[in-house]
C-alpha atoms as a PDB file:
ATOM      1  CA  UNK A   1      50.672  11.237  93.212  1.00  0.00           C
ATOM      2  CA  UNK A   2      53.036  12.118  96.229  1.00  0.00           C
ATOM      3  CA  UNK A   3      52.925  15.766  97.537  1.00  0.00           C
ATOM      4  CA  UNK A   4      55.979  17.673  97.200  1.00  0.00           C
ATOM      5  CA  UNK A   5      57.952  18.435 100.434  1.00  0.00           C
ATOM      6  CA  UNK A   6      57.788  22.006 101.742  1.00  0.00           C
ATOM      7  CA  UNK A   7      61.034  23.232 102.992  1.00  0.00           C
ATOM      8  CA  UNK A   8      61.102  26.578 105.096  1.00  0.00           C
ATOM      9  CA  UNK A   9      63.839  28.435 106.811  1.00  0.00           C
ATOM     10  CA  UNK A  10      63.729  28.910 110.627  1.00  0.00           C
ATOM     11  CA  UNK A  11      65.674  31.500 112.511  1.00  0.00           C
ATOM     12  CA  UNK A  12      64.783  30.493 116.046  1.00  0.00           C
ATOM     13  CA  UNK A  13      63.269  27.730 118.017  1.00  0.00           C
ATOM     14  CA  UNK A  14      60.024  29.513 118.200  1.00  0.00           C
ATOM     15  CA  UNK A  15      59.302  29.531 114.546  1.00  0.00           C
ATOM     16  CA  UNK A  16      59.415  25.659 114.231  1.00  0.00           C
ATOM     17  CA  UNK A  17      55.920  24.850 115.327  1.00  0.00           C
ATOM     18  CA  UNK A  18      54.209  27.377 113.198  1.00  0.00           C
ATOM     19  CA  UNK A  19      56.030  26.445 110.172  1.00  0.00           C
ATOM     20  CA  UNK A  20      55.181  22.845 110.651  1.00  0.00           C
ATOM     21  CA  UNK A  21      51.476  23.708 111.331  1.00  0.00           C
ATOM     22  CA  UNK A  22      51.545  25.733 108.160  1.00  0.00           C
ATOM     23  CA  UNK A  23      52.615  22.969 106.106  1.00  0.00           C
ATOM     24  CA  UNK A  24      56.287  22.642 105.915  1.00  0.00           C
ATOM     25  CA  UNK A  25      57.664  19.132 106.019  1.00  0.00           C
ATOM     26  CA  UNK A  26      61.137  20.092 106.530  1.00  0.00           C
ATOM     27  CA  UNK A  27      62.470  23.194 108.635  1.00  0.00           C
ATOM     28  CA  UNK A  28      66.294  24.105 108.035  1.00  0.00           C
ATOM     29  CA  UNK A  29      68.304  26.604 110.082  1.00  0.00           C
ATOM     30  CA  UNK A  30      71.793  27.249 110.896  1.00  0.00           C
ATOM     31  CA  UNK A  31      73.726  27.214 114.307  1.00  0.00           C
ATOM     32  CA  UNK A  32      76.604  29.412 115.353  1.00  0.00           C
ATOM     33  CA  UNK A  33      77.285  28.533 118.994  1.00  0.00           C
ATOM     34  CA  UNK A  34      79.190  31.277 121.026  1.00  0.00           C
ATOM     35  CA  UNK A  35      82.191  28.723 121.021  1.00  0.00           C
ATOM     36  CA  UNK A  36      82.482  29.231 117.381  1.00  0.00           C
ATOM     37  CA  UNK A  37      81.621  32.991 117.119  1.00  0.00           C
ATOM     38  CA  UNK A  38      84.143  33.663 120.060  1.00  0.00           C
ATOM     39  CA  UNK A  39      86.842  32.099 118.046  1.00  0.00           C
ATOM     40  CA  UNK A  40      86.388  32.902 114.480  1.00  0.00           C
ATOM     41  CA  UNK A  41      85.285  36.286 112.939  1.00  0.00           C
ATOM     42  CA  UNK A  42      81.924  36.596 111.297  1.00  0.00           C
ATOM     43  CA  UNK A  43      83.701  36.380 107.978  1.00  0.00           C
ATOM     44  CA  UNK A  44      84.354  32.690 108.629  1.00  0.00           C
ATOM     45  CA  UNK A  45      80.917  31.301 108.754  1.00  0.00           C
ATOM     46  CA  UNK A  46      79.765  27.617 109.365  1.00  0.00           C
ATOM     47  CA  UNK A  47      76.977  28.301 106.758  1.00  0.00           C
ATOM     48  CA  UNK A  48      75.575  30.580 104.085  1.00  0.00           C
ATOM     49  CA  UNK A  49      72.983  32.082 106.451  1.00  0.00           C
ATOM     50  CA  UNK A  50      74.741  35.400 106.422  1.00  0.00           C
ATOM     51  CA  UNK A  51      72.919  37.291 109.129  1.00  0.00           C
ATOM     52  CA  UNK A  52      73.307  36.687 112.934  1.00  0.00           C
ATOM     53  CA  UNK A  53      69.580  36.564 113.500  1.00  0.00           C
ATOM     54  CA  UNK A  54      69.395  33.587 111.043  1.00  0.00           C
ATOM     55  CA  UNK A  55      71.368  31.421 113.328  1.00  0.00           C
ATOM     56  CA  UNK A  56      70.542  29.341 116.475  1.00  0.00           C
ATOM     57  CA  UNK A  57      72.963  30.646 119.085  1.00  0.00           C
ATOM     58  CA  UNK A  58      73.377  27.495 121.217  1.00  0.00           C
ATOM     59  CA  UNK A  59      73.101  23.689 121.036  1.00  0.00           C
ATOM     60  CA  UNK A  60      70.143  23.736 123.566  1.00  0.00           C
ATOM     61  CA  UNK A  61      68.010  25.969 121.168  1.00  0.00           C
ATOM     62  CA  UNK A  62      69.028  23.720 118.120  1.00  0.00           C
ATOM     63  CA  UNK A  63      68.270  20.498 120.058  1.00  0.00           C
ATOM     64  CA  UNK A  64      64.901  21.991 120.992  1.00  0.00           C
ATOM     65  CA  UNK A  65      64.088  23.059 117.196  1.00  0.00           C
ATOM     66  CA  UNK A  66      64.973  19.589 116.183  1.00  0.00           C
ATOM     67  CA  UNK A  67      62.813  18.131 118.800  1.00  0.00           C
ATOM     68  CA  UNK A  68      59.826  20.231 118.068  1.00  0.00           C
ATOM     69  CA  UNK A  69      59.945  19.548 114.456  1.00  0.00           C
ATOM     70  CA  UNK A  70      60.271  15.681 114.947  1.00  0.00           C
ATOM     71  CA  UNK A  71      57.417  15.738 117.606  1.00  0.00           C
ATOM     72  CA  UNK A  72      55.089  17.441 115.252  1.00  0.00           C
ATOM     73  CA  UNK A  73      55.618  15.213 112.157  1.00  0.00           C
ATOM     74  CA  UNK A  74      58.469  17.422 110.513  1.00  0.00           C
ATOM     75  CA  UNK A  75      62.082  17.085 110.047  1.00  0.00           C
ATOM     76  CA  UNK A  76      65.010  19.352 110.686  1.00  0.00           C
ATOM     77  CA  UNK A  77      68.121  20.153 108.483  1.00  0.00           C
ATOM     78  CA  UNK A  78      71.077  21.717 109.756  1.00  0.00           C
ATOM     79  CA  UNK A  79      73.006  24.009 107.388  1.00  0.00           C
ATOM     80  CA  UNK A  80      76.635  23.613 107.091  1.00  0.00           C
ATOM     81  CA  UNK A  81      77.215  24.826 103.637  1.00  0.00           C
ATOM     82  CA  UNK A  82      80.176  27.230 104.126  1.00  0.00           C
ATOM     83  CA  UNK A  83      82.154  27.693 100.982  1.00  0.00           C
ATOM     84  CA  UNK A  84      85.378  25.990 102.842  1.00  0.00           C
ATOM     85  CA  UNK A  85      86.390  25.140 106.290  1.00  0.00           C
ATOM     86  CA  UNK A  86      89.936  25.739 107.586  1.00  0.00           C
ATOM     87  CA  UNK A  87      91.819  22.680 108.854  1.00  0.00           C
ATOM     88  CA  UNK A  88      91.415  24.086 112.518  1.00  0.00           C
ATOM     89  CA  UNK A  89      87.569  24.301 112.127  1.00  0.00           C
ATOM     90  CA  UNK A  90      86.963  20.761 110.872  1.00  0.00           C
ATOM     91  CA  UNK A  91      86.771  18.993 114.081  1.00  0.00           C
ATOM     92  CA  UNK A  92      84.443  21.601 115.423  1.00  0.00           C
ATOM     93  CA  UNK A  93      82.240  21.594 112.445  1.00  0.00           C
ATOM     94  CA  UNK A  94      82.136  17.724 112.444  1.00  0.00           C
ATOM     95  CA  UNK A  95      81.097  17.810 116.153  1.00  0.00           C
ATOM     96  CA  UNK A  96      78.372  20.085 115.297  1.00  0.00           C
ATOM     97  CA  UNK A  97      77.184  17.874 112.703  1.00  0.00           C
ATOM     98  CA  UNK A  98      77.278  14.827 114.969  1.00  0.00           C
ATOM     99  CA  UNK A  99      75.177  16.858 117.674  1.00  0.00           C
ATOM    100  CA  UNK A 100      72.565  17.523 115.186  1.00  0.00           C
ATOM    101  CA  UNK A 101      72.233  13.633 114.575  1.00  0.00           C
ATOM    102  CA  UNK A 102      72.058  12.993 118.213  1.00  0.00           C
ATOM    103  CA  UNK A 103      68.687  14.863 118.404  1.00  0.00           C
ATOM    104  CA  UNK A 104      67.499  14.081 114.940  1.00  0.00           C
END
């Protein structure tokens, strides 16, 4: 019988390795880079991780988190589950999703 996957939330790149070592197969987290937060107020999120400290604040930190997970036998899922995106946000959100795949 296959063991179930363990999914764990991460708030920053330094949490990835300990979570994988503790048994998580998947780590997930949100990313709200300065480009987004500088343009849109906090009431317009990219995901449902509703507090600032639950977000990777840069593409570099996100890339390092994904790389660390992969290098240690885990996977990383980027949360992009906002209830809606305005038309003006779609291109940015799609670019963020694409960047996640570059490092996956």
